[in-house]
Amino acid sequence: MSVAPVRPTCEFPFPTGHPLVRTARFRCPHGCDWYRDESTDLGPSGVTAVTGQEPGARVAAFWARVNGAIEEHVAEAHPEAGQPEQ
């Protein structure tokens, strides 16, 4: 039985009506001031024809960008702490 990786928690800092309302903010797992903003708007189903990515692939790409940014930040800013558990 495989266990799904733990996904980082996000917040949505922009109020309803703001142009960036669909932006998720992921903060440093070690508590520093760093954060990564990432759009959660993965586009309508018609985007598949343009991008060539199925919806599941777009979701996987979203999490790859988020996790990659967090891992890069931790490696650079908190090398002594190591990576957060997944």
PDB file of N, CA and C in Angstrom:
ATOM      1  N   MET A   1       0.841  -1.174   0.000  1.00  0.00           N
ATOM      2  CA  MET A   1       0.000   0.000   0.000  1.00  0.00           C
ATOM      3  C   MET A   1       0.892   1.245   0.000  1.00  0.00           C
ATOM      4  N   SER A   2       0.665   2.136  -0.953  1.00  0.00           N
ATOM      5  CA  SER A   2       1.467   3.357  -1.007  1.00  0.00           C
ATOM      6  C   SER A   2       0.745   4.472  -0.254  1.00  0.00           C
ATOM      7  N   VAL A   3       1.545   5.331   0.319  1.00  0.00           N
ATOM      8  CA  VAL A   3       1.011   6.462   1.074  1.00  0.00           C
ATOM      9  C   VAL A   3       1.233   7.717   0.251  1.00  0.00           C
ATOM     10  N   ALA A   4       0.182   8.522   0.108  1.00  0.00           N
ATOM     11  CA  ALA A   4       0.296   9.764  -0.649  1.00  0.00           C
ATOM     12  C   ALA A   4       1.203  10.733   0.101  1.00  0.00           C
ATOM     13  N   PRO A   5       2.038  11.490  -0.624  1.00  0.00           N
ATOM     14  CA  PRO A   5       2.910  12.460   0.043  1.00  0.00           C
ATOM     15  C   PRO A   5       2.079  13.536   0.729  1.00  0.00           C
ATOM     16  N   VAL A   6       2.620  14.061   1.810  1.00  0.00           N
ATOM     17  CA  VAL A   6       1.952  15.150   2.519  1.00  0.00           C
ATOM     18  C   VAL A   6       2.124  16.408   1.688  1.00  0.00           C
ATOM     19  N   ARG A   7       1.029  17.063   1.397  1.00  0.00           N
ATOM     20  CA  ARG A   7       1.113  18.302   0.618  1.00  0.00           C
ATOM     21  C   ARG A   7       1.216  19.490   1.558  1.00  0.00           C
ATOM     22  N   PRO A   8       1.997  20.484   1.148  1.00  0.00           N
ATOM     23  CA  PRO A   8       2.124  21.661   2.005  1.00  0.00           C
ATOM     24  C   PRO A   8       0.785  22.385   2.130  1.00  0.00           C
ATOM     25  N   THR A   9       0.582  22.998   3.277  1.00  0.00           N
ATOM     26  CA  THR A   9      -0.628  23.766   3.527  1.00  0.00           C
ATOM     27  C   THR A   9      -0.502  25.129   2.878  1.00  0.00           C
ATOM     28  N   CYS A  10      -1.613  25.621   2.363  1.00  0.00           N
ATOM     29  CA  CYS A  10      -1.584  26.946   1.746  1.00  0.00           C
ATOM     30  C   CYS A  10      -2.627  27.846   2.385  1.00  0.00           C
ATOM     31  N   GLU A  11      -2.506  29.110   2.081  1.00  0.00           N
ATOM     32  CA  GLU A  11      -3.503  30.093   2.474  1.00  0.00           C
ATOM     33  C   GLU A  11      -3.880  30.864   1.220  1.00  0.00           C
ATOM     34  N   PHE A  12      -5.015  31.511   1.265  1.00  0.00           N
ATOM     35  CA  PHE A  12      -5.473  32.334   0.149  1.00  0.00           C
ATOM     36  C   PHE A  12      -5.542  33.780   0.659  1.00  0.00           C
ATOM     37  N   PRO A  13      -4.471  34.568   0.431  1.00  0.00           N
ATOM     38  CA  PRO A  13      -4.357  35.884   1.065  1.00  0.00           C
ATOM     39  C   PRO A  13      -5.180  37.002   0.420  1.00  0.00           C
ATOM     40  N   PHE A  14      -5.740  36.753  -0.741  1.00  0.00           N
ATOM     41  CA  PHE A  14      -6.437  37.823  -1.445  1.00  0.00           C
ATOM     42  C   PHE A  14      -7.951  37.686  -1.288  1.00  0.00           C
ATOM     43  N   PRO A  15      -8.660  38.794  -1.053  1.00  0.00           N
ATOM     44  CA  PRO A  15     -10.100  38.740  -0.828  1.00  0.00           C
ATOM     45  C   PRO A  15     -10.890  38.487  -2.117  1.00  0.00           C
ATOM     46  N   THR A  16     -12.104  38.034  -1.941  1.00  0.00           N
ATOM     47  CA  THR A  16     -13.014  37.841  -3.070  1.00  0.00           C
ATOM     48  C   THR A  16     -13.099  39.130  -3.870  1.00  0.00           C
ATOM     49  N   GLY A  17     -13.052  39.003  -5.185  1.00  0.00           N
ATOM     50  CA  GLY A  17     -13.103  40.163  -6.058  1.00  0.00           C
ATOM     51  C   GLY A  17     -11.735  40.674  -6.475  1.00  0.00           C
ATOM     52  N   HIS A  18     -10.700  40.293  -5.757  1.00  0.00           N
ATOM     53  CA  HIS A  18      -9.339  40.693  -6.101  1.00  0.00           C
ATOM     54  C   HIS A  18      -8.901  39.896  -7.330  1.00  0.00           C
ATOM     55  N   PRO A  19      -8.135  40.501  -8.242  1.00  0.00           N
ATOM     56  CA  PRO A  19      -7.689  39.766  -9.436  1.00  0.00           C
ATOM     57  C   PRO A  19      -6.875  38.506  -9.120  1.00  0.00           C
ATOM     58  N   LEU A  20      -6.259  38.452  -7.946  1.00  0.00           N
ATOM     59  CA  LEU A  20      -5.436  37.292  -7.588  1.00  0.00           C
ATOM     60  C   LEU A  20      -6.136  36.365  -6.592  1.00  0.00           C
ATOM     61  N   VAL A  21      -7.464  36.390  -6.568  1.00  0.00           N
ATOM     62  CA  VAL A  21      -8.225  35.608  -5.583  1.00  0.00           C
ATOM     63  C   VAL A  21      -7.918  34.111  -5.655  1.00  0.00           C
ATOM     64  N   ARG A  22      -7.511  33.618  -6.800  1.00  0.00           N
ATOM     65  CA  ARG A  22      -7.211  32.189  -6.950  1.00  0.00           C
ATOM     66  C   ARG A  22      -5.739  31.871  -6.704  1.00  0.00           C
ATOM     67  N   THR A  23      -5.042  32.770  -6.089  1.00  0.00           N
ATOM     68  CA  THR A  23      -3.623  32.567  -5.788  1.00  0.00           C
ATOM     69  C   THR A  23      -3.474  31.923  -4.416  1.00  0.00           C
ATOM     70  N   ALA A  24      -2.757  30.820  -4.386  1.00  0.00           N
ATOM     71  CA  ALA A  24      -2.461  30.142  -3.120  1.00  0.00           C
ATOM     72  C   ALA A  24      -1.059  30.544  -2.675  1.00  0.00           C
ATOM     73  N   ARG A  25      -0.904  30.761  -1.383  1.00  0.00           N
ATOM     74  CA  ARG A  25       0.398  31.131  -0.825  1.00  0.00           C
ATOM     75  C   ARG A  25       0.904  29.978   0.040  1.00  0.00           C
ATOM     76  N   PHE A  26       2.105  29.541  -0.266  1.00  0.00           N
ATOM     77  CA  PHE A  26       2.759  28.467   0.478  1.00  0.00           C
ATOM     78  C   PHE A  26       3.932  29.089   1.218  1.00  0.00           C
ATOM     79  N   ARG A  27       3.939  28.969   2.521  1.00  0.00           N
ATOM     80  CA  ARG A  27       4.989  29.567   3.343  1.00  0.00           C
ATOM     81  C   ARG A  27       6.093  28.556   3.628  1.00  0.00           C
ATOM     82  N   CYS A  28       7.229  29.089   4.036  1.00  0.00           N
ATOM     83  CA  CYS A  28       8.373  28.254   4.390  1.00  0.00           C
ATOM     84  C   CYS A  28       7.988  27.303   5.525  1.00  0.00           C
ATOM     85  N   PRO A  29       8.281  26.010   5.368  1.00  0.00           N
ATOM     86  CA  PRO A  29       7.945  25.054   6.424  1.00  0.00           C
ATOM     87  C   PRO A  29       8.782  25.239   7.689  1.00  0.00           C
ATOM     88  N   HIS A  30       9.828  26.068   7.610  1.00  0.00           N
ATOM     89  CA  HIS A  30      10.675  26.313   8.775  1.00  0.00           C
ATOM     90  C   HIS A  30      10.378  27.655   9.430  1.00  0.00           C
ATOM     91  N   GLY A  31       9.367  28.372   8.931  1.00  0.00           N
ATOM     92  CA  GLY A  31       8.886  29.565   9.605  1.00  0.00           C
ATOM     93  C   GLY A  31       9.534  30.889   9.253  1.00  0.00           C
ATOM     94  N   CYS A  32      10.406  30.925   8.254  1.00  0.00           N
ATOM     95  CA  CYS A  32      10.982  32.219   7.880  1.00  0.00           C
ATOM     96  C   CYS A  32       9.962  33.004   7.041  1.00  0.00           C
ATOM     97  N   ASP A  33      10.342  34.178   6.573  1.00  0.00           N
ATOM     98  CA  ASP A  33       9.415  35.049   5.854  1.00  0.00           C
ATOM     99  C   ASP A  33       9.190  34.667   4.387  1.00  0.00           C
ATOM    100  N   TRP A  34       9.915  33.689   3.884  1.00  0.00           N
ATOM    101  CA  TRP A  34       9.787  33.280   2.476  1.00  0.00           C
ATOM    102  C   TRP A  34       8.410  32.688   2.212  1.00  0.00           C
ATOM    103  N   TYR A  35       7.922  32.925   0.996  1.00  0.00           N
ATOM    104  CA  TYR A  35       6.703  32.259   0.543  1.00  0.00           C
ATOM    105  C   TYR A  35       6.708  32.152  -0.970  1.00  0.00           C
ATOM    106  N   ARG A  36       5.853  31.288  -1.459  1.00  0.00           N
ATOM    107  CA  ARG A  36       5.682  31.092  -2.902  1.00  0.00           C
ATOM    108  C   ARG A  36       4.208  31.266  -3.205  1.00  0.00           C
ATOM    109  N   ASP A  37       3.869  32.168  -4.130  1.00  0.00           N
ATOM    110  CA  ASP A  37       2.501  32.327  -4.605  1.00  0.00           C
ATOM    111  C   ASP A  37       2.351  31.541  -5.893  1.00  0.00           C
ATOM    112  N   GLU A  38       1.268  30.820  -5.991  1.00  0.00           N
ATOM    113  CA  GLU A  38       1.024  29.982  -7.171  1.00  0.00           C
ATOM    114  C   GLU A  38      -0.451  30.066  -7.526  1.00  0.00           C
ATOM    115  N   SER A  39      -0.747  30.299  -8.790  1.00  0.00           N
ATOM    116  CA  SER A  39      -2.141  30.349  -9.241  1.00  0.00           C
ATOM    117  C   SER A  39      -2.760  28.964  -9.159  1.00  0.00           C
ATOM    118  N   THR A  40      -3.976  28.902  -8.620  1.00  0.00           N
ATOM    119  CA  THR A  40      -4.697  27.629  -8.574  1.00  0.00           C
ATOM    120  C   THR A  40      -5.653  27.505  -9.754  1.00  0.00           C
ATOM    121  N   ASP A  41      -5.648  28.485 -10.630  1.00  0.00           N
ATOM    122  CA  ASP A  41      -6.507  28.444 -11.815  1.00  0.00           C
ATOM    123  C   ASP A  41      -5.823  27.573 -12.861  1.00  0.00           C
ATOM    124  N   LEU A  42      -6.249  26.335 -12.926  1.00  0.00           N
ATOM    125  CA  LEU A  42      -5.626  25.390 -13.851  1.00  0.00           C
ATOM    126  C   LEU A  42      -6.278  25.435 -15.220  1.00  0.00           C
ATOM    127  N   GLY A  43      -7.189  26.368 -15.402  1.00  0.00           N
ATOM    128  CA  GLY A  43      -7.792  26.579 -16.708  1.00  0.00           C
ATOM    129  C   GLY A  43      -8.976  25.680 -16.980  1.00  0.00           C
ATOM    130  N   PRO A  44      -9.784  26.082 -17.955  1.00  0.00           N
ATOM    131  CA  PRO A  44     -10.933  25.264 -18.349  1.00  0.00           C
ATOM    132  C   PRO A  44     -10.490  24.016 -19.089  1.00  0.00           C
ATOM    133  N   SER A  45     -11.400  23.107 -19.279  1.00  0.00           N
ATOM    134  CA  SER A  45     -11.053  21.858 -19.965  1.00  0.00           C
ATOM    135  C   SER A  45     -10.544  22.111 -21.379  1.00  0.00           C
ATOM    136  N   GLY A  46     -10.936  23.215 -21.979  1.00  0.00           N
ATOM    137  CA  GLY A  46     -10.465  23.550 -23.317  1.00  0.00           C
ATOM    138  C   GLY A  46      -8.980  23.843 -23.375  1.00  0.00           C
ATOM    139  N   VAL A  47      -8.373  24.101 -22.228  1.00  0.00           N
ATOM    140  CA  VAL A  47      -6.937  24.377 -22.183  1.00  0.00           C
ATOM    141  C   VAL A  47      -6.149  23.152 -22.622  1.00  0.00           C
ATOM    142  N   THR A  48      -6.727  21.969 -22.433  1.00  0.00           N
ATOM    143  CA  THR A  48      -6.047  20.733 -22.811  1.00  0.00           C
ATOM    144  C   THR A  48      -5.610  20.768 -24.274  1.00  0.00           C
ATOM    145  N   ALA A  49      -6.468  21.297 -25.114  1.00  0.00           N
ATOM    146  CA  ALA A  49      -6.147  21.341 -26.543  1.00  0.00           C
ATOM    147  C   ALA A  49      -4.959  22.259 -26.812  1.00  0.00           C
ATOM    148  N   VAL A  50      -4.824  23.330 -26.041  1.00  0.00           N
ATOM    149  CA  VAL A  50      -3.739  24.292 -26.247  1.00  0.00           C
ATOM    150  C   VAL A  50      -2.445  23.816 -25.611  1.00  0.00           C
ATOM    151  N   THR A  51      -2.525  23.347 -24.353  1.00  0.00           N
ATOM    152  CA  THR A  51      -1.314  22.991 -23.624  1.00  0.00           C
ATOM    153  C   THR A  51      -0.876  21.561 -23.877  1.00  0.00           C
ATOM    154  N   GLY A  52      -1.807  20.727 -24.325  1.00  0.00           N
ATOM    155  CA  GLY A  52      -1.495  19.316 -24.516  1.00  0.00           C
ATOM    156  C   GLY A  52      -1.480  18.540 -23.213  1.00  0.00           C
ATOM    157  N   GLN A  53      -1.851  19.183 -22.110  1.00  0.00           N
ATOM    158  CA  GLN A  53      -1.847  18.514 -20.815  1.00  0.00           C
ATOM    159  C   GLN A  53      -3.270  18.194 -20.385  1.00  0.00           C
ATOM    160  N   GLU A  54      -3.481  16.981 -19.968  1.00  0.00           N
ATOM    161  CA  GLU A  54      -4.758  16.587 -19.395  1.00  0.00           C
ATOM    162  C   GLU A  54      -4.880  17.226 -18.021  1.00  0.00           C
ATOM    163  N   PRO A  55      -6.109  17.341 -17.487  1.00  0.00           N
ATOM    164  CA  PRO A  55      -6.279  17.963 -16.168  1.00  0.00           C
ATOM    165  C   PRO A  55      -5.402  17.345 -15.073  1.00  0.00           C
ATOM    166  N   GLY A  56      -5.291  16.033 -15.023  1.00  0.00           N
ATOM    167  CA  GLY A  56      -4.451  15.391 -14.015  1.00  0.00           C
ATOM    168  C   GLY A  56      -2.994  15.797 -14.148  1.00  0.00           C
ATOM    169  N   ALA A  57      -2.542  15.977 -15.372  1.00  0.00           N
ATOM    170  CA  ALA A  57      -1.155  16.397 -15.606  1.00  0.00           C
ATOM    171  C   ALA A  57      -0.944  17.838 -15.156  1.00  0.00           C
ATOM    172  N   ARG A  58      -1.964  18.684 -15.329  1.00  0.00           N
ATOM    173  CA  ARG A  58      -1.834  20.078 -14.876  1.00  0.00           C
ATOM    174  C   ARG A  58      -1.762  20.137 -13.354  1.00  0.00           C
ATOM    175  N   VAL A  59      -2.546  19.302 -12.683  1.00  0.00           N
ATOM    176  CA  VAL A  59      -2.494  19.247 -11.217  1.00  0.00           C
ATOM    177  C   VAL A  59      -1.124  18.744 -10.765  1.00  0.00           C
ATOM    178  N   ALA A  60      -0.630  17.707 -11.414  1.00  0.00           N
ATOM    179  CA  ALA A  60       0.693  17.178 -11.067  1.00  0.00           C
ATOM    180  C   ALA A  60       1.771  18.237 -11.294  1.00  0.00           C
ATOM    181  N   ALA A  61       1.651  18.998 -12.373  1.00  0.00           N
ATOM    182  CA  ALA A  61       2.628  20.054 -12.656  1.00  0.00           C
ATOM    183  C   ALA A  61       2.551  21.163 -11.598  1.00  0.00           C
ATOM    184  N   PHE A  62       1.343  21.483 -11.150  1.00  0.00           N
ATOM    185  CA  PHE A  62       1.158  22.474 -10.089  1.00  0.00           C
ATOM    186  C   PHE A  62       1.927  22.057  -8.840  1.00  0.00           C
ATOM    187  N   TRP A  63       1.692  20.815  -8.380  1.00  0.00           N
ATOM    188  CA  TRP A  63       2.358  20.342  -7.160  1.00  0.00           C
ATOM    189  C   TRP A  63       3.860  20.199  -7.362  1.00  0.00           C
ATOM    190  N   ALA A  64       4.294  19.863  -8.554  1.00  0.00           N
ATOM    191  CA  ALA A  64       5.734  19.777  -8.828  1.00  0.00           C
ATOM    192  C   ALA A  64       6.383  21.159  -8.703  1.00  0.00           C
ATOM    193  N   ARG A  65       5.708  22.207  -9.202  1.00  0.00           N
ATOM    194  CA  ARG A  65       6.243  23.571  -9.076  1.00  0.00           C
ATOM    195  C   ARG A  65       6.306  23.997  -7.614  1.00  0.00           C
ATOM    196  N   VAL A  66       5.221  23.746  -6.876  1.00  0.00           N
ATOM    197  CA  VAL A  66       5.174  24.143  -5.470  1.00  0.00           C
ATOM    198  C   VAL A  66       6.244  23.409  -4.668  1.00  0.00           C
ATOM    199  N   ASN A  67       6.255  22.084  -4.779  1.00  0.00           N
ATOM    200  CA  ASN A  67       7.226  21.298  -4.013  1.00  0.00           C
ATOM    201  C   ASN A  67       8.658  21.613  -4.421  1.00  0.00           C
ATOM    202  N   GLY A  68       8.889  21.822  -5.704  1.00  0.00           N
ATOM    203  CA  GLY A  68      10.225  22.170  -6.172  1.00  0.00           C
ATOM    204  C   GLY A  68      10.703  23.496  -5.602  1.00  0.00           C
ATOM    205  N   ALA A  69       9.807  24.481  -5.562  1.00  0.00           N
ATOM    206  CA  ALA A  69      10.172  25.789  -5.008  1.00  0.00           C
ATOM    207  C   ALA A  69      10.488  25.685  -3.519  1.00  0.00           C
ATOM    208  N   ILE A  70       9.674  24.918  -2.793  1.00  0.00           N
ATOM    209  CA  ILE A  70       9.918  24.748  -1.358  1.00  0.00           C
ATOM    210  C   ILE A  70      11.234  24.021  -1.124  1.00  0.00           C
ATOM    211  N   GLU A  71      11.471  22.943  -1.859  1.00  0.00           N
ATOM    212  CA  GLU A  71      12.713  22.183  -1.699  1.00  0.00           C
ATOM    213  C   GLU A  71      13.928  23.047  -2.014  1.00  0.00           C
ATOM    214  N   GLU A  72      13.844  23.847  -3.069  1.00  0.00           N
ATOM    215  CA  GLU A  72      14.965  24.726  -3.439  1.00  0.00           C
ATOM    216  C   GLU A  72      15.213  25.754  -2.343  1.00  0.00           C
ATOM    217  N   HIS A  73      14.146  26.353  -1.831  1.00  0.00           N
ATOM    218  CA  HIS A  73      14.295  27.344  -0.772  1.00  0.00           C
ATOM    219  C   HIS A  73      14.934  26.724   0.469  1.00  0.00           C
ATOM    220  N   VAL A  74      14.422  25.567   0.893  1.00  0.00           N
ATOM    221  CA  VAL A  74      14.951  24.923   2.100  1.00  0.00           C
ATOM    222  C   VAL A  74      16.424  24.578   1.915  1.00  0.00           C
ATOM    223  N   ALA A  75      16.787  24.071   0.757  1.00  0.00           N
ATOM    224  CA  ALA A  75      18.183  23.711   0.503  1.00  0.00           C
ATOM    225  C   ALA A  75      19.100  24.929   0.574  1.00  0.00           C
ATOM    226  N   GLU A  76      18.611  26.078   0.089  1.00  0.00           N
ATOM    227  CA  GLU A  76      19.436  27.288   0.079  1.00  0.00           C
ATOM    228  C   GLU A  76      19.422  28.024   1.417  1.00  0.00           C
ATOM    229  N   ALA A  77      18.254  28.141   2.028  1.00  0.00           N
ATOM    230  CA  ALA A  77      18.122  28.989   3.216  1.00  0.00           C
ATOM    231  C   ALA A  77      18.212  28.227   4.538  1.00  0.00           C
ATOM    232  N   HIS A  78      17.930  26.938   4.521  1.00  0.00           N
ATOM    233  CA  HIS A  78      17.906  26.156   5.750  1.00  0.00           C
ATOM    234  C   HIS A  78      18.607  24.811   5.568  1.00  0.00           C
ATOM    235  N   PRO A  79      19.821  24.797   5.034  1.00  0.00           N
ATOM    236  CA  PRO A  79      20.472  23.521   4.746  1.00  0.00           C
ATOM    237  C   PRO A  79      20.655  22.644   5.983  1.00  0.00           C
ATOM    238  N   GLU A  80      20.806  23.264   7.146  1.00  0.00           N
ATOM    239  CA  GLU A  80      20.997  22.491   8.365  1.00  0.00           C
ATOM    240  C   GLU A  80      19.713  21.793   8.813  1.00  0.00           C
ATOM    241  N   ALA A  81      18.570  22.293   8.376  1.00  0.00           N
ATOM    242  CA  ALA A  81      17.290  21.742   8.810  1.00  0.00           C
ATOM    243  C   ALA A  81      16.854  20.547   7.969  1.00  0.00           C
ATOM    244  N   GLY A  82      17.323  20.466   6.741  1.00  0.00           N
ATOM    245  CA  GLY A  82      16.890  19.379   5.865  1.00  0.00           C
ATOM    246  C   GLY A  82      15.524  19.642   5.296  1.00  0.00           C
ATOM    247  N   GLN A  83      15.062  18.712   4.490  1.00  0.00           N
ATOM    248  CA  GLN A  83      13.779  18.844   3.826  1.00  0.00           C
ATOM    249  C   GLN A  83      12.641  18.466   4.776  1.00  0.00           C
ATOM    250  N   PRO A  84      11.472  19.111   4.626  1.00  0.00           N
ATOM    251  CA  PRO A  84      10.320  18.715   5.435  1.00  0.00           C
ATOM    252  C   PRO A  84       9.895  17.307   5.057  1.00  0.00           C
ATOM    253  N   GLU A  85       9.332  16.586   6.005  1.00  0.00           N
ATOM    254  CA  GLU A  85       8.896  15.217   5.716  1.00  0.00           C
ATOM    255  C   GLU A  85       7.739  15.246   4.749  1.00  0.00           C
ATOM    256  N   GLN A  86       7.732  14.237   3.867  1.00  0.00           N
ATOM    257  CA  GLN A  86       6.657  14.131   2.878  1.00  0.00           C
ATOM    258  C   GLN A  86       5.860  12.893   3.112  1.00  0.00           C
TER     259      GLN A  86
END
